[in-house]
PDB file of N, CA and C in Angstrom:
ATOM      1  N   MET A   1      58.344 186.552 167.683  1.00  0.00           N
ATOM      2  CA  MET A   1      57.329 187.835 166.662  1.00  0.00           C
ATOM      3  C   MET A   1      57.762 187.032 165.229  1.00  0.00           C
ATOM      4  N   LEU A   2      57.011 187.671 164.552  1.00  0.00           N
ATOM      5  CA  LEU A   2      56.605 186.957 162.961  1.00  0.00           C
ATOM      6  C   LEU A   2      57.705 187.692 161.791  1.00  0.00           C
ATOM      7  N   ASN A   3      58.372 186.805 161.109  1.00  0.00           N
ATOM      8  CA  ASN A   3      59.791 187.674 160.204  1.00  0.00           C
ATOM      9  C   ASN A   3      58.535 188.119 158.774  1.00  0.00           C
ATOM     10  N   ILE A   4      58.535 189.189 158.335  1.00  0.00           N
ATOM     11  CA  ILE A   4      57.979 189.537 157.202  1.00  0.00           C
ATOM     12  C   ILE A   4      58.007 188.135 156.624  1.00  0.00           C
ATOM     13  N   LYS A   5      58.584 187.339 155.893  1.00  0.00           N
ATOM     14  CA  LYS A   5      57.897 186.074 155.396  1.00  0.00           C
ATOM     15  C   LYS A   5      56.745 185.438 155.889  1.00  0.00           C
ATOM     16  N   GLN A   6      56.626 185.345 156.839  1.00  0.00           N
ATOM     17  CA  GLN A   6      56.437 184.309 157.365  1.00  0.00           C
ATOM     18  C   GLN A   6      55.053 184.593 158.009  1.00  0.00           C
ATOM     19  N   LEU A   7      55.053 186.264 158.083  1.00  0.00           N
ATOM     20  CA  LEU A   7      53.930 187.093 158.235  1.00  0.00           C
ATOM     21  C   LEU A   7      53.145 187.170 156.242  1.00  0.00           C
ATOM     22  N   ASN A   8      54.175 187.253 155.874  1.00  0.00           N
ATOM     23  CA  ASN A   8      53.337 187.647 154.417  1.00  0.00           C
ATOM     24  C   ASN A   8      52.820 185.975 153.846  1.00  0.00           C
ATOM     25  N   LYS A   9      52.892 184.699 154.640  1.00  0.00           N
ATOM     26  CA  LYS A   9      52.955 183.841 154.476  1.00  0.00           C
ATOM     27  C   LYS A   9      50.755 183.594 154.934  1.00  0.00           C
ATOM     28  N   ILE A  10      51.306 183.918 155.977  1.00  0.00           N
ATOM     29  CA  ILE A  10      50.309 184.173 157.099  1.00  0.00           C
ATOM     30  C   ILE A  10      49.096 184.898 155.931  1.00  0.00           C
ATOM     31  N   GLU A  11      49.212 186.489 155.322  1.00  0.00           N
ATOM     32  CA  GLU A  11      48.210 186.896 155.178  1.00  0.00           C
ATOM     33  C   GLU A  11      48.188 186.000 153.585  1.00  0.00           C
ATOM     34  N   SER A  12      48.849 185.312 152.715  1.00  0.00           N
ATOM     35  CA  SER A  12      48.786 185.028 151.566  1.00  0.00           C
ATOM     36  C   SER A  12      47.204 184.226 151.811  1.00  0.00           C
ATOM     37  N   ARG A  13      48.003 182.835 153.020  1.00  0.00           N
ATOM     38  CA  ARG A  13      46.453 181.466 153.271  1.00  0.00           C
ATOM     39  C   ARG A  13      45.998 182.682 153.203  1.00  0.00           C
ATOM     40  N   ILE A  14      45.594 182.951 154.842  1.00  0.00           N
ATOM     41  CA  ILE A  14      44.000 183.849 155.083  1.00  0.00           C
ATOM     42  C   ILE A  14      43.416 184.013 153.525  1.00  0.00           C
ATOM     43  N   ASP A  15      44.374 184.879 152.818  1.00  0.00           N
ATOM     44  CA  ASP A  15      43.428 185.801 151.173  1.00  0.00           C
ATOM     45  C   ASP A  15      42.983 184.416 150.839  1.00  0.00           C
ATOM     46  N   GLU A  16      43.809 182.937 150.457  1.00  0.00           N
ATOM     47  CA  GLU A  16      43.287 182.711 150.272  1.00  0.00           C
ATOM     48  C   GLU A  16      42.073 181.393 150.376  1.00  0.00           C
ATOM     49  N   ILE A  17      42.373 181.686 151.427  1.00  0.00           N
ATOM     50  CA  ILE A  17      41.053 181.047 152.560  1.00  0.00           C
ATOM     51  C   ILE A  17      39.498 181.790 152.401  1.00  0.00           C
ATOM     52  N   GLU A  18      39.388 183.182 152.276  1.00  0.00           N
ATOM     53  CA  GLU A  18      38.564 184.221 152.086  1.00  0.00           C
ATOM     54  C   GLU A  18      37.777 183.504 150.586  1.00  0.00           C
ATOM     55  N   LYS A  19      38.951 183.575 149.358  1.00  0.00           N
ATOM     56  CA  LYS A  19      38.964 183.463 147.956  1.00  0.00           C
ATOM     57  C   LYS A  19      37.829 182.591 148.478  1.00  0.00           C
ATOM     58  N   PHE A  20      38.835 180.927 148.567  1.00  0.00           N
ATOM     59  CA  PHE A  20      38.028 179.904 148.008  1.00  0.00           C
ATOM     60  C   PHE A  20      36.548 180.112 149.285  1.00  0.00           C
ATOM     61  N   LEU A  21      35.958 180.409 150.147  1.00  0.00           N
ATOM     62  CA  LEU A  21      35.137 180.379 151.369  1.00  0.00           C
ATOM     63  C   LEU A  21      34.313 181.377 150.227  1.00  0.00           C
ATOM     64  N   ASP A  22      34.759 182.807 149.960  1.00  0.00           N
ATOM     65  CA  ASP A  22      33.239 183.503 148.914  1.00  0.00           C
ATOM     66  C   ASP A  22      33.053 182.807 147.745  1.00  0.00           C
ATOM     67  N   ASN A  23      33.738 181.927 146.317  1.00  0.00           N
ATOM     68  CA  ASN A  23      33.232 181.335 145.446  1.00  0.00           C
ATOM     69  C   ASN A  23      32.773 180.228 146.148  1.00  0.00           C
ATOM     70  N   ASN A  24      33.559 179.299 147.123  1.00  0.00           N
ATOM     71  CA  ASN A  24      31.890 178.121 147.903  1.00  0.00           C
ATOM     72  C   ASN A  24      31.787 178.525 148.804  1.00  0.00           C
ATOM     73  N   ARG A  25      29.692 178.724 148.252  1.00  0.00           N
ATOM     74  CA  ARG A  25      29.310 178.743 149.425  1.00  0.00           C
ATOM     75  C   ARG A  25      28.669 177.875 149.531  1.00  0.00           C
ATOM     76  N   ASP A  26      28.549 176.155 149.332  1.00  0.00           N
ATOM     77  CA  ASP A  26      27.760 174.651 149.732  1.00  0.00           C
ATOM     78  C   ASP A  26      29.066 174.608 150.226  1.00  0.00           C
ATOM     79  N   TYR A  27      28.706 174.531 151.688  1.00  0.00           N
ATOM     80  CA  TYR A  27      30.037 174.464 152.960  1.00  0.00           C
ATOM     81  C   TYR A  27      29.432 172.810 152.942  1.00  0.00           C
ATOM     82  N   ASN A  28      28.763 171.969 152.025  1.00  0.00           N
ATOM     83  CA  ASN A  28      29.292 170.437 152.237  1.00  0.00           C
ATOM     84  C   ASN A  28      29.613 169.962 152.068  1.00  0.00           C
ATOM     85  N   LYS A  29      29.635 170.246 150.230  1.00  0.00           N
ATOM     86  CA  LYS A  29      30.855 169.753 149.864  1.00  0.00           C
ATOM     87  C   LYS A  29      32.490 169.771 150.204  1.00  0.00           C
ATOM     88  N   PHE A  30      32.237 170.287 151.477  1.00  0.00           N
ATOM     89  CA  PHE A  30      33.859 169.865 151.757  1.00  0.00           C
ATOM     90  C   PHE A  30      34.133 170.707 153.032  1.00  0.00           C
ATOM     91  N   ASP A  31      36.152 170.570 153.711  1.00  0.00           N
ATOM     92  CA  ASP A  31      35.463 169.926 154.905  1.00  0.00           C
ATOM     93  C   ASP A  31      35.439 171.928 155.191  1.00  0.00           C
ATOM     94  N   SER A  32      34.463 172.653 155.555  1.00  0.00           N
ATOM     95  CA  SER A  32      34.238 173.294 156.095  1.00  0.00           C
ATOM     96  C   SER A  32      34.536 174.002 157.771  1.00  0.00           C
ATOM     97  N   ASN A  33      34.328 173.443 157.922  1.00  0.00           N
ATOM     98  CA  ASN A  33      34.851 173.465 159.620  1.00  0.00           C
ATOM     99  C   ASN A  33      36.560 173.473 159.105  1.00  0.00           C
ATOM    100  N   LYS A  34      37.459 172.192 158.307  1.00  0.00           N
ATOM    101  CA  LYS A  34      38.362 173.027 159.217  1.00  0.00           C
ATOM    102  C   LYS A  34      39.084 174.115 158.612  1.00  0.00           C
ATOM    103  N   LEU A  35      38.473 174.968 157.298  1.00  0.00           N
ATOM    104  CA  LEU A  35      38.983 175.461 157.221  1.00  0.00           C
ATOM    105  C   LEU A  35      38.661 176.501 157.323  1.00  0.00           C
ATOM    106  N   PHE A  36      38.070 177.434 158.462  1.00  0.00           N
ATOM    107  CA  PHE A  36      37.571 178.298 159.554  1.00  0.00           C
ATOM    108  C   PHE A  36      37.808 178.446 160.250  1.00  0.00           C
ATOM    109  N   ASN A  37      38.887 176.967 160.623  1.00  0.00           N
ATOM    110  CA  ASN A  37      39.496 176.904 161.948  1.00  0.00           C
ATOM    111  C   ASN A  37      40.882 176.977 161.535  1.00  0.00           C
ATOM    112  N   GLU A  38      41.264 176.733 160.473  1.00  0.00           N
ATOM    113  CA  GLU A  38      42.791 177.049 159.712  1.00  0.00           C
ATOM    114  C   GLU A  38      42.919 178.480 159.740  1.00  0.00           C
ATOM    115  N   ARG A  39      41.528 179.338 159.503  1.00  0.00           N
ATOM    116  CA  ARG A  39      41.794 180.807 158.823  1.00  0.00           C
ATOM    117  C   ARG A  39      41.355 181.668 160.663  1.00  0.00           C
ATOM    118  N   SER A  40      40.827 181.183 161.410  1.00  0.00           N
ATOM    119  CA  SER A  40      40.920 181.526 163.401  1.00  0.00           C
ATOM    120  C   SER A  40      41.416 181.729 163.348  1.00  0.00           C
ATOM    121  N   GLU A  41      43.034 180.794 163.212  1.00  0.00           N
ATOM    122  CA  GLU A  41      44.358 180.049 164.389  1.00  0.00           C
ATOM    123  C   GLU A  41      45.827 181.472 163.520  1.00  0.00           C
ATOM    124  N   LEU A  42      45.137 181.349 161.615  1.00  0.00           N
ATOM    125  CA  LEU A  42      45.820 182.339 160.789  1.00  0.00           C
ATOM    126  C   LEU A  42      45.860 183.784 161.253  1.00  0.00           C
ATOM    127  N   LEU A  43      44.286 184.073 161.682  1.00  0.00           N
ATOM    128  CA  LEU A  43      44.498 185.005 162.540  1.00  0.00           C
ATOM    129  C   LEU A  43      44.997 185.607 163.240  1.00  0.00           C
ATOM    130  N   PHE A  44      44.510 184.794 164.141  1.00  0.00           N
ATOM    131  CA  PHE A  44      45.082 184.705 165.664  1.00  0.00           C
ATOM    132  C   PHE A  44      46.768 184.835 166.000  1.00  0.00           C
ATOM    133  N   LYS A  45      47.104 184.291 164.543  1.00  0.00           N
ATOM    134  CA  LYS A  45      48.599 184.591 164.644  1.00  0.00           C
ATOM    135  C   LYS A  45      49.230 185.059 163.938  1.00  0.00           C
ATOM    136  N   ARG A  46      49.106 186.206 163.500  1.00  0.00           N
ATOM    137  CA  ARG A  46      48.385 187.687 162.768  1.00  0.00           C
ATOM    138  C   ARG A  46      48.444 188.086 163.828  1.00  0.00           C
ATOM    139  N   ASN A  47      47.241 188.795 164.710  1.00  0.00           N
ATOM    140  CA  ASN A  47      46.800 188.773 165.414  1.00  0.00           C
ATOM    141  C   ASN A  47      48.075 189.332 167.026  1.00  0.00           C
ATOM    142  N   LYS A  48      48.048 188.394 166.836  1.00  0.00           N
ATOM    143  CA  LYS A  48      49.586 188.300 168.463  1.00  0.00           C
ATOM    144  C   LYS A  48      50.529 188.900 167.924  1.00  0.00           C
ATOM    145  N   ASP A  49      51.045 188.538 167.018  1.00  0.00           N
ATOM    146  CA  ASP A  49      52.189 189.485 166.832  1.00  0.00           C
ATOM    147  C   ASP A  49      52.638 189.978 167.165  1.00  0.00           C
ATOM    148  N   ASN A  50      53.533 191.034 167.640  1.00  0.00           N
ATOM    149  CA  ASN A  50      54.011 192.732 168.296  1.00  0.00           C
ATOM    150  C   ASN A  50      53.590 192.977 170.201  1.00  0.00           C
ATOM    151  N   ILE A  51      52.296 192.037 170.663  1.00  0.00           N
ATOM    152  CA  ILE A  51      51.338 192.360 171.664  1.00  0.00           C
ATOM    153  C   ILE A  51      52.607 191.094 172.871  1.00  0.00           C
ATOM    154  N   ASN A  52      52.871 191.948 174.156  1.00  0.00           N
ATOM    155  CA  ASN A  52      53.504 191.949 175.235  1.00  0.00           C
ATOM    156  C   ASN A  52      52.828 191.112 176.327  1.00  0.00           C
ATOM    157  N   PHE A  53      51.912 190.374 175.823  1.00  0.00           N
ATOM    158  CA  PHE A  53      51.173 189.802 176.420  1.00  0.00           C
ATOM    159  C   PHE A  53      51.833 188.236 176.630  1.00  0.00           C
ATOM    160  N   ARG A  54      51.554 187.209 177.654  1.00  0.00           N
ATOM    161  CA  ARG A  54      52.378 186.015 177.375  1.00  0.00           C
ATOM    162  C   ARG A  54      51.180 185.194 177.667  1.00  0.00           C
ATOM    163  N   LEU A  55      50.680 184.006 176.305  1.00  0.00           N
ATOM    164  CA  LEU A  55      49.950 183.621 176.507  1.00  0.00           C
ATOM    165  C   LEU A  55      50.342 182.040 176.218  1.00  0.00           C
ATOM    166  N   SER A  56      50.524 181.047 177.487  1.00  0.00           N
ATOM    167  CA  SER A  56      50.916 180.212 177.613  1.00  0.00           C
ATOM    168  C   SER A  56      49.999 178.937 177.708  1.00  0.00           C
ATOM    169  N   CYS A  57      49.992 177.508 178.049  1.00  0.00           N
ATOM    170  CA  CYS A  57      49.516 176.575 177.951  1.00  0.00           C
ATOM    171  C   CYS A  57      48.516 175.835 177.108  1.00  0.00           C
ATOM    172  N   ASN A  58      47.866 175.025 176.935  1.00  0.00           N
ATOM    173  CA  ASN A  58      46.478 174.695 175.783  1.00  0.00           C
ATOM    174  C   ASN A  58      45.351 176.116 175.566  1.00  0.00           C
ATOM    175  N   ASN A  59      45.373 176.544 176.947  1.00  0.00           N
ATOM    176  CA  ASN A  59      44.257 177.647 176.812  1.00  0.00           C
ATOM    177  C   ASN A  59      45.094 179.026 176.197  1.00  0.00           C
ATOM    178  N   LYS A  60      45.587 178.934 175.165  1.00  0.00           N
ATOM    179  CA  LYS A  60      46.337 180.196 174.230  1.00  0.00           C
ATOM    180  C   LYS A  60      45.084 181.564 174.762  1.00  0.00           C
ATOM    181  N   TYR A  61      44.268 181.369 174.501  1.00  0.00           N
ATOM    182  CA  TYR A  61      43.659 182.500 174.253  1.00  0.00           C
ATOM    183  C   TYR A  61      43.652 183.245 175.995  1.00  0.00           C
ATOM    184  N   SER A  62      44.454 182.562 176.863  1.00  0.00           N
ATOM    185  CA  SER A  62      44.425 183.180 178.492  1.00  0.00           C
ATOM    186  C   SER A  62      45.370 184.472 178.543  1.00  0.00           C
ATOM    187  N   ILE A  63      44.624 185.560 179.387  1.00  0.00           N
ATOM    188  CA  ILE A  63      45.376 186.674 178.681  1.00  0.00           C
ATOM    189  C   ILE A  63      46.174 187.015 180.555  1.00  0.00           C
ATOM    190  N   ASN A  64      47.943 186.883 180.528  1.00  0.00           N
ATOM    191  CA  ASN A  64      48.415 187.104 181.279  1.00  0.00           C
ATOM    192  C   ASN A  64      49.848 188.210 180.876  1.00  0.00           C
ATOM    193  N   ILE A  65      49.524 189.630 182.081  1.00  0.00           N
ATOM    194  CA  ILE A  65      50.080 190.156 181.766  1.00  0.00           C
ATOM    195  C   ILE A  65      52.210 190.220 183.061  1.00  0.00           C
ATOM    196  N   GLY A  66      53.572 189.851 181.790  1.00  0.00           N
ATOM    197  CA  GLY A  66      54.057 189.560 182.922  1.00  0.00           C
ATOM    198  C   GLY A  66      54.819 190.703 182.777  1.00  0.00           C
ATOM    199  N   SER A  67      55.740 190.623 183.984  1.00  0.00           N
ATOM    200  CA  SER A  67      57.143 192.093 183.638  1.00  0.00           C
ATOM    201  C   SER A  67      57.889 191.233 182.503  1.00  0.00           C
ATOM    202  N   ASN A  68      57.832 189.810 182.229  1.00  0.00           N
ATOM    203  CA  ASN A  68      58.579 189.317 180.863  1.00  0.00           C
ATOM    204  C   ASN A  68      58.314 187.890 181.367  1.00  0.00           C
ATOM    205  N   GLN A  69      59.026 187.353 180.197  1.00  0.00           N
ATOM    206  CA  GLN A  69      58.618 185.760 179.855  1.00  0.00           C
ATOM    207  C   GLN A  69      59.381 185.126 181.209  1.00  0.00           C
ATOM    208  N   TYR A  70      60.209 185.174 182.050  1.00  0.00           N
ATOM    209  CA  TYR A  70      60.798 184.888 182.753  1.00  0.00           C
ATOM    210  C   TYR A  70      60.098 184.739 184.608  1.00  0.00           C
ATOM    211  N   GLY A  71      59.805 186.296 184.074  1.00  0.00           N
ATOM    212  CA  GLY A  71      59.076 187.022 185.614  1.00  0.00           C
ATOM    213  C   GLY A  71      57.654 186.620 185.635  1.00  0.00           C
ATOM    214  N   SER A  72      56.763 187.075 186.808  1.00  0.00           N
ATOM    215  CA  SER A  72      55.108 186.990 187.286  1.00  0.00           C
ATOM    216  C   SER A  72      54.201 187.166 186.664  1.00  0.00           C
ATOM    217  N   ASP A  73      53.662 186.686 186.661  1.00  0.00           N
ATOM    218  CA  ASP A  73      51.812 187.783 186.019  1.00  0.00           C
ATOM    219  C   ASP A  73      52.011 189.224 187.177  1.00  0.00           C
ATOM    220  N   LEU A  74      52.311 190.716 186.246  1.00  0.00           N
ATOM    221  CA  LEU A  74      51.758 190.915 186.984  1.00  0.00           C
ATOM    222  C   LEU A  74      50.297 191.629 187.123  1.00  0.00           C
ATOM    223  N   LYS A  75      49.361 190.836 186.219  1.00  0.00           N
ATOM    224  CA  LYS A  75      47.945 191.524 186.049  1.00  0.00           C
ATOM    225  C   LYS A  75      47.636 190.284 184.950  1.00  0.00           C
ATOM    226  N   ARG A  76      46.239 189.117 185.885  1.00  0.00           N
ATOM    227  CA  ARG A  76      45.709 188.413 185.387  1.00  0.00           C
ATOM    228  C   ARG A  76      44.426 188.911 184.418  1.00  0.00           C
ATOM    229  N   PHE A  77      43.654 188.180 183.664  1.00  0.00           N
ATOM    230  CA  PHE A  77      42.198 188.707 183.175  1.00  0.00           C
ATOM    231  C   PHE A  77      42.094 187.104 183.099  1.00  0.00           C
ATOM    232  N   SER A  78      40.250 187.232 183.302  1.00  0.00           N
ATOM    233  CA  SER A  78      39.778 186.106 182.615  1.00  0.00           C
ATOM    234  C   SER A  78      38.573 186.350 181.011  1.00  0.00           C
ATOM    235  N   SER A  79      38.805 187.307 181.029  1.00  0.00           N
ATOM    236  CA  SER A  79      38.096 187.496 180.103  1.00  0.00           C
ATOM    237  C   SER A  79      39.283 188.642 178.131  1.00  0.00           C
ATOM    238  N   LYS A  80      38.355 189.145 177.587  1.00  0.00           N
ATOM    239  CA  LYS A  80      38.840 190.327 176.977  1.00  0.00           C
ATOM    240  C   LYS A  80      38.238 191.057 177.194  1.00  0.00           C
ATOM    241  N   GLU A  81      36.733 191.495 178.050  1.00  0.00           N
ATOM    242  CA  GLU A  81      36.251 191.987 178.178  1.00  0.00           C
ATOM    243  C   GLU A  81      37.102 192.773 179.295  1.00  0.00           C
ATOM    244  N   GLU A  82      36.837 192.178 180.421  1.00  0.00           N
ATOM    245  CA  GLU A  82      38.036 192.308 181.455  1.00  0.00           C
ATOM    246  C   GLU A  82      39.535 192.954 181.941  1.00  0.00           C
ATOM    247  N   LEU A  83      39.921 192.762 180.693  1.00  0.00           N
ATOM    248  CA  LEU A  83      41.973 193.015 179.431  1.00  0.00           C
ATOM    249  C   LEU A  83      40.492 194.696 179.922  1.00  0.00           C
ATOM    250  N   LEU A  84      39.401 195.064 178.669  1.00  0.00           N
ATOM    251  CA  LEU A  84      39.482 196.135 178.075  1.00  0.00           C
ATOM    252  C   LEU A  84      38.967 196.722 179.393  1.00  0.00           C
ATOM    253  N   GLY A  85      38.297 196.306 179.873  1.00  0.00           N
ATOM    254  CA  GLY A  85      37.337 197.274 181.541  1.00  0.00           C
ATOM    255  C   GLY A  85      39.059 197.735 182.494  1.00  0.00           C
ATOM    256  N   PHE A  86      40.591 197.032 181.625  1.00  0.00           N
ATOM    257  CA  PHE A  86      41.199 197.456 183.412  1.00  0.00           C
ATOM    258  C   PHE A  86      41.798 198.182 182.224  1.00  0.00           C
ATOM    259  N   VAL A  87      42.259 198.551 180.664  1.00  0.00           N
ATOM    260  CA  VAL A  87      42.555 199.010 179.996  1.00  0.00           C
ATOM    261  C   VAL A  87      42.016 200.491 179.490  1.00  0.00           C
ATOM    262  N   ILE A  88      40.454 200.592 179.916  1.00  0.00           N
ATOM    263  CA  ILE A  88      40.196 201.738 179.523  1.00  0.00           C
ATOM    264  C   ILE A  88      39.979 202.889 180.936  1.00  0.00           C
ATOM    265  N   GLY A  89      39.653 201.916 182.332  1.00  0.00           N
ATOM    266  CA  GLY A  89      40.157 202.473 183.409  1.00  0.00           C
ATOM    267  C   GLY A  89      41.519 202.872 184.389  1.00  0.00           C
ATOM    268  N   PHE A  90      42.400 202.236 183.437  1.00  0.00           N
ATOM    269  CA  PHE A  90      43.533 202.778 183.359  1.00  0.00           C
ATOM    270  C   PHE A  90      44.078 204.320 183.286  1.00  0.00           C
ATOM    271  N   ASN A  91      43.449 204.204 180.981  1.00  0.00           N
ATOM    272  CA  ASN A  91      44.246 204.999 180.628  1.00  0.00           C
ATOM    273  C   ASN A  91      42.782 206.838 181.454  1.00  0.00           C
ATOM    274  N   GLU A  92      41.099 206.386 181.555  1.00  0.00           N
ATOM    275  CA  GLU A  92      40.646 207.502 182.024  1.00  0.00           C
ATOM    276  C   GLU A  92      41.251 207.669 183.790  1.00  0.00           C
ATOM    277  N   ALA A  93      42.289 207.402 184.309  1.00  0.00           N
ATOM    278  CA  ALA A  93      42.996 207.407 185.055  1.00  0.00           C
ATOM    279  C   ALA A  93      43.854 208.149 185.021  1.00  0.00           C
ATOM    280  N   ASN A  94      45.087 207.666 183.765  1.00  0.00           N
ATOM    281  CA  ASN A  94      45.961 208.619 183.755  1.00  0.00           C
ATOM    282  C   ASN A  94      45.816 209.703 183.242  1.00  0.00           C
ATOM    283  N   ASN A  95      44.633 209.606 182.384  1.00  0.00           N
ATOM    284  CA  ASN A  95      43.956 211.276 182.286  1.00  0.00           C
ATOM    285  C   ASN A  95      43.918 212.529 183.224  1.00  0.00           C
ATOM    286  N   LEU A  96      42.549 212.072 184.557  1.00  0.00           N
ATOM    287  CA  LEU A  96      42.268 212.497 184.673  1.00  0.00           C
ATOM    288  C   LEU A  96      43.074 214.281 185.302  1.00  0.00           C
TER     289      LEU A  96
END
């Protein structure tokens, strides 16, 4: 879990990258891939904060729901679409 200082630092860096990209549209003059990748990683770190999913291995975009960090998986999803389908179905079943 990120503390407020870390979160502010991430937000600040995301803003810097976005301003730089907005002001420098000729992507051939600098390493634009590096900046896009950095921004994606920072957005990922910011967005995963306070999410109770286990993100493991080199494939940090895999989605596993576990009872806790030491327990076994309760449900595993191959994609975000599969996860969203499960959440929608679960919510609809609970609202019947």
